[in-house]
Amino acid sequence: MKRCFYGLNKNSKIKLVIEGDHFEKTVNIYDITPKDIYFEIPNNADINDALVKKEIIVFLSLLN
């Protein structure tokens, strides 16, 4: 199982994690067979904070 981490920028506390069996890079694009997708945030992050919610909404809109 391999894991890829994605952040909106390098200072972002929230990471989108995609776990899967097949990761193959072809010209800046990954061919991924996902098994699990989830967000990872620090334990001390307030999930009710407006900026945290905004980052999650941006991630979800990019997945659409």
PDB file of N, CA and C in Angstrom:
ATOM      1  N   MET A   1       0.854  -1.174   0.000  1.00  0.00           N
ATOM      2  CA  MET A   1       0.000   0.000   0.000  1.00  0.00           C
ATOM      3  C   MET A   1       0.900   1.237   0.000  1.00  0.00           C
ATOM      4  N   LYS A   2       0.647   2.148  -0.903  1.00  0.00           N
ATOM      5  CA  LYS A   2       1.401   3.397  -0.977  1.00  0.00           C
ATOM      6  C   LYS A   2       0.478   4.548  -0.623  1.00  0.00           C
ATOM      7  N   ARG A   3       1.089   5.649  -0.151  1.00  0.00           N
ATOM      8  CA  ARG A   3       0.323   6.828   0.242  1.00  0.00           C
ATOM      9  C   ARG A   3       0.846   8.055  -0.482  1.00  0.00           C
ATOM     10  N   CYS A   4      -0.064   8.859  -1.014  1.00  0.00           N
ATOM     11  CA  CYS A   4       0.282  10.158  -1.604  1.00  0.00           C
ATOM     12  C   CYS A   4      -0.383  11.235  -0.767  1.00  0.00           C
ATOM     13  N   PHE A   5       0.354  12.317  -0.495  1.00  0.00           N
ATOM     14  CA  PHE A   5      -0.152  13.429   0.293  1.00  0.00           C
ATOM     15  C   PHE A   5      -0.275  14.651  -0.599  1.00  0.00           C
ATOM     16  N   TYR A   6      -1.398  15.351  -0.467  1.00  0.00           N
ATOM     17  CA  TYR A   6      -1.638  16.556  -1.252  1.00  0.00           C
ATOM     18  C   TYR A   6      -2.038  17.684  -0.311  1.00  0.00           C
ATOM     19  N   GLY A   7      -1.442  18.850  -0.515  1.00  0.00           N
ATOM     20  CA  GLY A   7      -1.785  20.040   0.253  1.00  0.00           C
ATOM     21  C   GLY A   7      -2.083  21.175  -0.703  1.00  0.00           C
ATOM     22  N   LEU A   8      -2.886  22.129  -0.248  1.00  0.00           N
ATOM     23  CA  LEU A   8      -3.203  23.274  -1.100  1.00  0.00           C
ATOM     24  C   LEU A   8      -1.981  24.160  -1.308  1.00  0.00           C
ATOM     25  N   ASN A   9      -1.115  24.211  -0.297  1.00  0.00           N
ATOM     26  CA  ASN A   9       0.166  24.901  -0.412  1.00  0.00           C
ATOM     27  C   ASN A   9       1.110  24.293   0.609  1.00  0.00           C
ATOM     28  N   LYS A  10       2.361  24.699   0.610  1.00  0.00           N
ATOM     29  CA  LYS A  10       3.339  24.049   1.490  1.00  0.00           C
ATOM     30  C   LYS A  10       3.124  24.384   2.963  1.00  0.00           C
ATOM     31  N   ASN A  11       2.349  25.423   3.264  1.00  0.00           N
ATOM     32  CA  ASN A  11       2.079  25.784   4.659  1.00  0.00           C
ATOM     33  C   ASN A  11       0.745  25.237   5.166  1.00  0.00           C
ATOM     34  N   SER A  12       0.042  24.528   4.324  1.00  0.00           N
ATOM     35  CA  SER A  12      -1.271  24.005   4.693  1.00  0.00           C
ATOM     36  C   SER A  12      -1.146  22.950   5.783  1.00  0.00           C
ATOM     37  N   LYS A  13      -2.019  23.031   6.796  1.00  0.00           N
ATOM     38  CA  LYS A  13      -2.032  22.040   7.859  1.00  0.00           C
ATOM     39  C   LYS A  13      -2.826  20.807   7.451  1.00  0.00           C
ATOM     40  N   ILE A  14      -3.742  20.961   6.526  1.00  0.00           N
ATOM     41  CA  ILE A  14      -4.603  19.865   6.109  1.00  0.00           C
ATOM     42  C   ILE A  14      -4.003  19.186   4.886  1.00  0.00           C
ATOM     43  N   LYS A  15      -3.941  17.869   4.935  1.00  0.00           N
ATOM     44  CA  LYS A  15      -3.431  17.080   3.817  1.00  0.00           C
ATOM     45  C   LYS A  15      -4.503  16.098   3.370  1.00  0.00           C
ATOM     46  N   LEU A  16      -4.662  15.978   2.065  1.00  0.00           N
ATOM     47  CA  LEU A  16      -5.507  14.931   1.502  1.00  0.00           C
ATOM     48  C   LEU A  16      -4.604  13.732   1.280  1.00  0.00           C
ATOM     49  N   VAL A  17      -4.995  12.582   1.803  1.00  0.00           N
ATOM     50  CA  VAL A  17      -4.181  11.370   1.693  1.00  0.00           C
ATOM     51  C   VAL A  17      -4.927  10.374   0.819  1.00  0.00           C
ATOM     52  N   ILE A  18      -4.229   9.848  -0.183  1.00  0.00           N
ATOM     53  CA  ILE A  18      -4.787   8.811  -1.040  1.00  0.00           C
ATOM     54  C   ILE A  18      -3.899   7.587  -0.900  1.00  0.00           C
ATOM     55  N   GLU A  19      -4.506   6.498  -0.451  1.00  0.00           N
ATOM     56  CA  GLU A  19      -3.798   5.226  -0.316  1.00  0.00           C
ATOM     57  C   GLU A  19      -4.254   4.309  -1.433  1.00  0.00           C
ATOM     58  N   GLY A  20      -3.314   3.598  -2.025  1.00  0.00           N
ATOM     59  CA  GLY A  20      -3.675   2.704  -3.106  1.00  0.00           C
ATOM     60  C   GLY A  20      -2.591   1.695  -3.423  1.00  0.00           C
ATOM     61  N   ASP A  21      -2.941   0.810  -4.325  1.00  0.00           N
ATOM     62  CA  ASP A  21      -2.030  -0.263  -4.717  1.00  0.00           C
ATOM     63  C   ASP A  21      -1.169   0.103  -5.915  1.00  0.00           C
ATOM     64  N   HIS A  22      -1.704   0.900  -6.822  1.00  0.00           N
ATOM     65  CA  HIS A  22      -1.028   1.143  -8.097  1.00  0.00           C
ATOM     66  C   HIS A  22      -0.758   2.631  -8.268  1.00  0.00           C
ATOM     67  N   PHE A  23       0.509   3.022  -8.213  1.00  0.00           N
ATOM     68  CA  PHE A  23       0.909   4.402  -8.442  1.00  0.00           C
ATOM     69  C   PHE A  23       1.904   4.408  -9.589  1.00  0.00           C
ATOM     70  N   GLU A  24       1.549   5.048 -10.668  1.00  0.00           N
ATOM     71  CA  GLU A  24       2.450   5.123 -11.814  1.00  0.00           C
ATOM     72  C   GLU A  24       2.447   6.559 -12.322  1.00  0.00           C
ATOM     73  N   LYS A  25       3.623   7.174 -12.363  1.00  0.00           N
ATOM     74  CA  LYS A  25       3.720   8.561 -12.806  1.00  0.00           C
ATOM     75  C   LYS A  25       3.955   8.609 -14.306  1.00  0.00           C
ATOM     76  N   THR A  26       3.100   9.377 -14.987  1.00  0.00           N
ATOM     77  CA  THR A  26       3.258   9.594 -16.428  1.00  0.00           C
ATOM     78  C   THR A  26       3.116  11.083 -16.697  1.00  0.00           C
ATOM     79  N   VAL A  27       4.172  11.750 -17.052  1.00  0.00           N
ATOM     80  CA  VAL A  27       4.199  13.170 -17.411  1.00  0.00           C
ATOM     81  C   VAL A  27       3.379  14.026 -16.443  1.00  0.00           C
ATOM     82  N   ASN A  28       3.840  14.133 -15.200  1.00  0.00           N
ATOM     83  CA  ASN A  28       3.243  14.965 -14.161  1.00  0.00           C
ATOM     84  C   ASN A  28       1.848  14.519 -13.718  1.00  0.00           C
ATOM     85  N   ILE A  29       1.397  13.349 -14.107  1.00  0.00           N
ATOM     86  CA  ILE A  29       0.089  12.831 -13.702  1.00  0.00           C
ATOM     87  C   ILE A  29       0.298  11.444 -13.096  1.00  0.00           C
ATOM     88  N   TYR A  30      -0.374  11.183 -11.984  1.00  0.00           N
ATOM     89  CA  TYR A  30      -0.292   9.869 -11.357  1.00  0.00           C
ATOM     90  C   TYR A  30      -1.514   9.046 -11.728  1.00  0.00           C
ATOM     91  N   ASP A  31      -1.292   7.820 -12.159  1.00  0.00           N
ATOM     92  CA  ASP A  31      -2.356   6.850 -12.383  1.00  0.00           C
ATOM     93  C   ASP A  31      -2.490   6.083 -11.079  1.00  0.00           C
ATOM     94  N   ILE A  32      -3.579   6.322 -10.354  1.00  0.00           N
ATOM     95  CA  ILE A  32      -3.746   5.775  -9.016  1.00  0.00           C
ATOM     96  C   ILE A  32      -4.988   4.897  -8.964  1.00  0.00           C
ATOM     97  N   THR A  33      -4.839   3.738  -8.350  1.00  0.00           N
ATOM     98  CA  THR A  33      -5.990   2.896  -8.038  1.00  0.00           C
ATOM     99  C   THR A  33      -6.229   3.063  -6.542  1.00  0.00           C
ATOM    100  N   PRO A  34      -7.115   4.017  -6.150  1.00  0.00           N
ATOM    101  CA  PRO A  34      -7.285   4.313  -4.726  1.00  0.00           C
ATOM    102  C   PRO A  34      -8.033   3.222  -3.979  1.00  0.00           C
ATOM    103  N   LYS A  35      -7.581   2.990  -2.761  1.00  0.00           N
ATOM    104  CA  LYS A  35      -8.261   2.075  -1.844  1.00  0.00           C
ATOM    105  C   LYS A  35      -8.903   2.857  -0.704  1.00  0.00           C
ATOM    106  N   ASP A  36      -8.309   4.023  -0.356  1.00  0.00           N
ATOM    107  CA  ASP A  36      -8.821   4.834   0.734  1.00  0.00           C
ATOM    108  C   ASP A  36      -8.416   6.282   0.499  1.00  0.00           C
ATOM    109  N   ILE A  37      -9.333   7.204   0.805  1.00  0.00           N
ATOM    110  CA  ILE A  37      -9.077   8.636   0.674  1.00  0.00           C
ATOM    111  C   ILE A  37      -9.567   9.297   1.954  1.00  0.00           C
ATOM    112  N   TYR A  38      -8.700  10.134   2.562  1.00  0.00           N
ATOM    113  CA  TYR A  38      -9.091  10.794   3.806  1.00  0.00           C
ATOM    114  C   TYR A  38      -8.260  12.058   3.998  1.00  0.00           C
ATOM    115  N   PHE A  39      -8.694  12.896   4.953  1.00  0.00           N
ATOM    116  CA  PHE A  39      -7.956  14.092   5.321  1.00  0.00           C
ATOM    117  C   PHE A  39      -7.156  13.810   6.579  1.00  0.00           C
ATOM    118  N   GLU A  40      -5.971  14.398   6.655  1.00  0.00           N
ATOM    119  CA  GLU A  40      -5.127  14.310   7.835  1.00  0.00           C
ATOM    120  C   GLU A  40      -4.889  15.726   8.329  1.00  0.00           C
ATOM    121  N   ILE A  41      -5.202  15.960   9.609  1.00  0.00           N
ATOM    122  CA  ILE A  41      -4.957  17.275  10.201  1.00  0.00           C
ATOM    123  C   ILE A  41      -4.282  17.077  11.556  1.00  0.00           C
ATOM    124  N   PRO A  42      -3.533  18.078  12.008  1.00  0.00           N
ATOM    125  CA  PRO A  42      -2.868  17.959  13.316  1.00  0.00           C
ATOM    126  C   PRO A  42      -3.894  17.824  14.447  1.00  0.00           C
ATOM    127  N   ASN A  43      -3.502  17.157  15.510  1.00  0.00           N
ATOM    128  CA  ASN A  43      -4.397  16.963  16.655  1.00  0.00           C
ATOM    129  C   ASN A  43      -4.850  18.271  17.282  1.00  0.00           C
ATOM    130  N   ASN A  44      -4.005  19.288  17.227  1.00  0.00           N
ATOM    131  CA  ASN A  44      -4.353  20.556  17.865  1.00  0.00           C
ATOM    132  C   ASN A  44      -5.152  21.489  16.957  1.00  0.00           C
ATOM    133  N   ALA A  45      -5.505  21.056  15.765  1.00  0.00           N
ATOM    134  CA  ALA A  45      -6.282  21.896  14.835  1.00  0.00           C
ATOM    135  C   ALA A  45      -7.741  21.927  15.260  1.00  0.00           C
ATOM    136  N   ASP A  46      -8.337  23.100  15.163  1.00  0.00           N
ATOM    137  CA  ASP A  46      -9.758  23.278  15.489  1.00  0.00           C
ATOM    138  C   ASP A  46     -10.566  23.073  14.210  1.00  0.00           C
ATOM    139  N   ILE A  47     -11.291  21.951  14.112  1.00  0.00           N
ATOM    140  CA  ILE A  47     -12.031  21.648  12.884  1.00  0.00           C
ATOM    141  C   ILE A  47     -13.234  22.580  12.686  1.00  0.00           C
ATOM    142  N   ASN A  48     -13.552  23.386  13.697  1.00  0.00           N
ATOM    143  CA  ASN A  48     -14.628  24.357  13.558  1.00  0.00           C
ATOM    144  C   ASN A  48     -14.138  25.719  13.098  1.00  0.00           C
ATOM    145  N   ASP A  49     -12.821  25.857  12.958  1.00  0.00           N
ATOM    146  CA  ASP A  49     -12.225  27.108  12.498  1.00  0.00           C
ATOM    147  C   ASP A  49     -12.609  27.357  11.039  1.00  0.00           C
ATOM    148  N   ALA A  50     -12.938  28.596  10.704  1.00  0.00           N
ATOM    149  CA  ALA A  50     -13.389  28.945   9.347  1.00  0.00           C
ATOM    150  C   ALA A  50     -12.329  28.627   8.289  1.00  0.00           C
ATOM    151  N   LEU A  51     -11.047  28.844   8.593  1.00  0.00           N
ATOM    152  CA  LEU A  51      -9.992  28.576   7.610  1.00  0.00           C
ATOM    153  C   LEU A  51      -9.828  27.078   7.344  1.00  0.00           C
ATOM    154  N   VAL A  52      -9.993  26.267   8.380  1.00  0.00           N
ATOM    155  CA  VAL A  52      -9.917  24.813   8.213  1.00  0.00           C
ATOM    156  C   VAL A  52     -11.073  24.338   7.339  1.00  0.00           C
ATOM    157  N   LYS A  53     -12.262  24.823   7.630  1.00  0.00           N
ATOM    158  CA  LYS A  53     -13.434  24.454   6.826  1.00  0.00           C
ATOM    159  C   LYS A  53     -13.260  24.879   5.370  1.00  0.00           C
ATOM    160  N   LYS A  54     -12.702  26.088   5.165  1.00  0.00           N
ATOM    161  CA  LYS A  54     -12.507  26.584   3.809  1.00  0.00           C
ATOM    162  C   LYS A  54     -11.543  25.686   3.026  1.00  0.00           C
ATOM    163  N   GLU A  55     -10.454  25.257   3.662  1.00  0.00           N
ATOM    164  CA  GLU A  55      -9.501  24.369   2.984  1.00  0.00           C
ATOM    165  C   GLU A  55     -10.160  23.049   2.585  1.00  0.00           C
ATOM    166  N   ILE A  56     -10.974  22.508   3.465  1.00  0.00           N
ATOM    167  CA  ILE A  56     -11.660  21.255   3.163  1.00  0.00           C
ATOM    168  C   ILE A  56     -12.628  21.445   2.004  1.00  0.00           C
ATOM    169  N   ILE A  57     -13.334  22.558   1.989  1.00  0.00           N
ATOM    170  CA  ILE A  57     -14.259  22.844   0.881  1.00  0.00           C
ATOM    171  C   ILE A  57     -13.510  22.988  -0.433  1.00  0.00           C
ATOM    172  N   VAL A  58     -12.347  23.629  -0.416  1.00  0.00           N
ATOM    173  CA  VAL A  58     -11.547  23.773  -1.640  1.00  0.00           C
ATOM    174  C   VAL A  58     -11.106  22.387  -2.137  1.00  0.00           C
ATOM    175  N   PHE A  59     -10.619  21.538  -1.239  1.00  0.00           N
ATOM    176  CA  PHE A  59     -10.247  20.178  -1.632  1.00  0.00           C
ATOM    177  C   PHE A  59     -11.421  19.451  -2.263  1.00  0.00           C
ATOM    178  N   LEU A  60     -12.574  19.499  -1.622  1.00  0.00           N
ATOM    179  CA  LEU A  60     -13.743  18.784  -2.135  1.00  0.00           C
ATOM    180  C   LEU A  60     -14.183  19.326  -3.485  1.00  0.00           C
ATOM    181  N   SER A  61     -14.084  20.639  -3.688  1.00  0.00           N
ATOM    182  CA  SER A  61     -14.470  21.217  -4.977  1.00  0.00           C
ATOM    183  C   SER A  61     -13.498  20.776  -6.081  1.00  0.00           C
ATOM    184  N   LEU A  62     -12.230  20.585  -5.749  1.00  0.00           N
ATOM    185  CA  LEU A  62     -11.253  20.117  -6.733  1.00  0.00           C
ATOM    186  C   LEU A  62     -11.503  18.657  -7.110  1.00  0.00           C
ATOM    187  N   LEU A  63     -12.054  17.887  -6.185  1.00  0.00           N
ATOM    188  CA  LEU A  63     -12.353  16.478  -6.478  1.00  0.00           C
ATOM    189  C   LEU A  63     -13.587  16.320  -7.341  1.00  0.00           C
ATOM    190  N   ASN A  64     -14.424  17.325  -7.369  1.00  0.00           N
ATOM    191  CA  ASN A  64     -15.684  17.253  -8.123  1.00  0.00           C
ATOM    192  C   ASN A  64     -15.443  17.160  -9.587  1.00  0.00           C
TER     193      ASN A  64
END
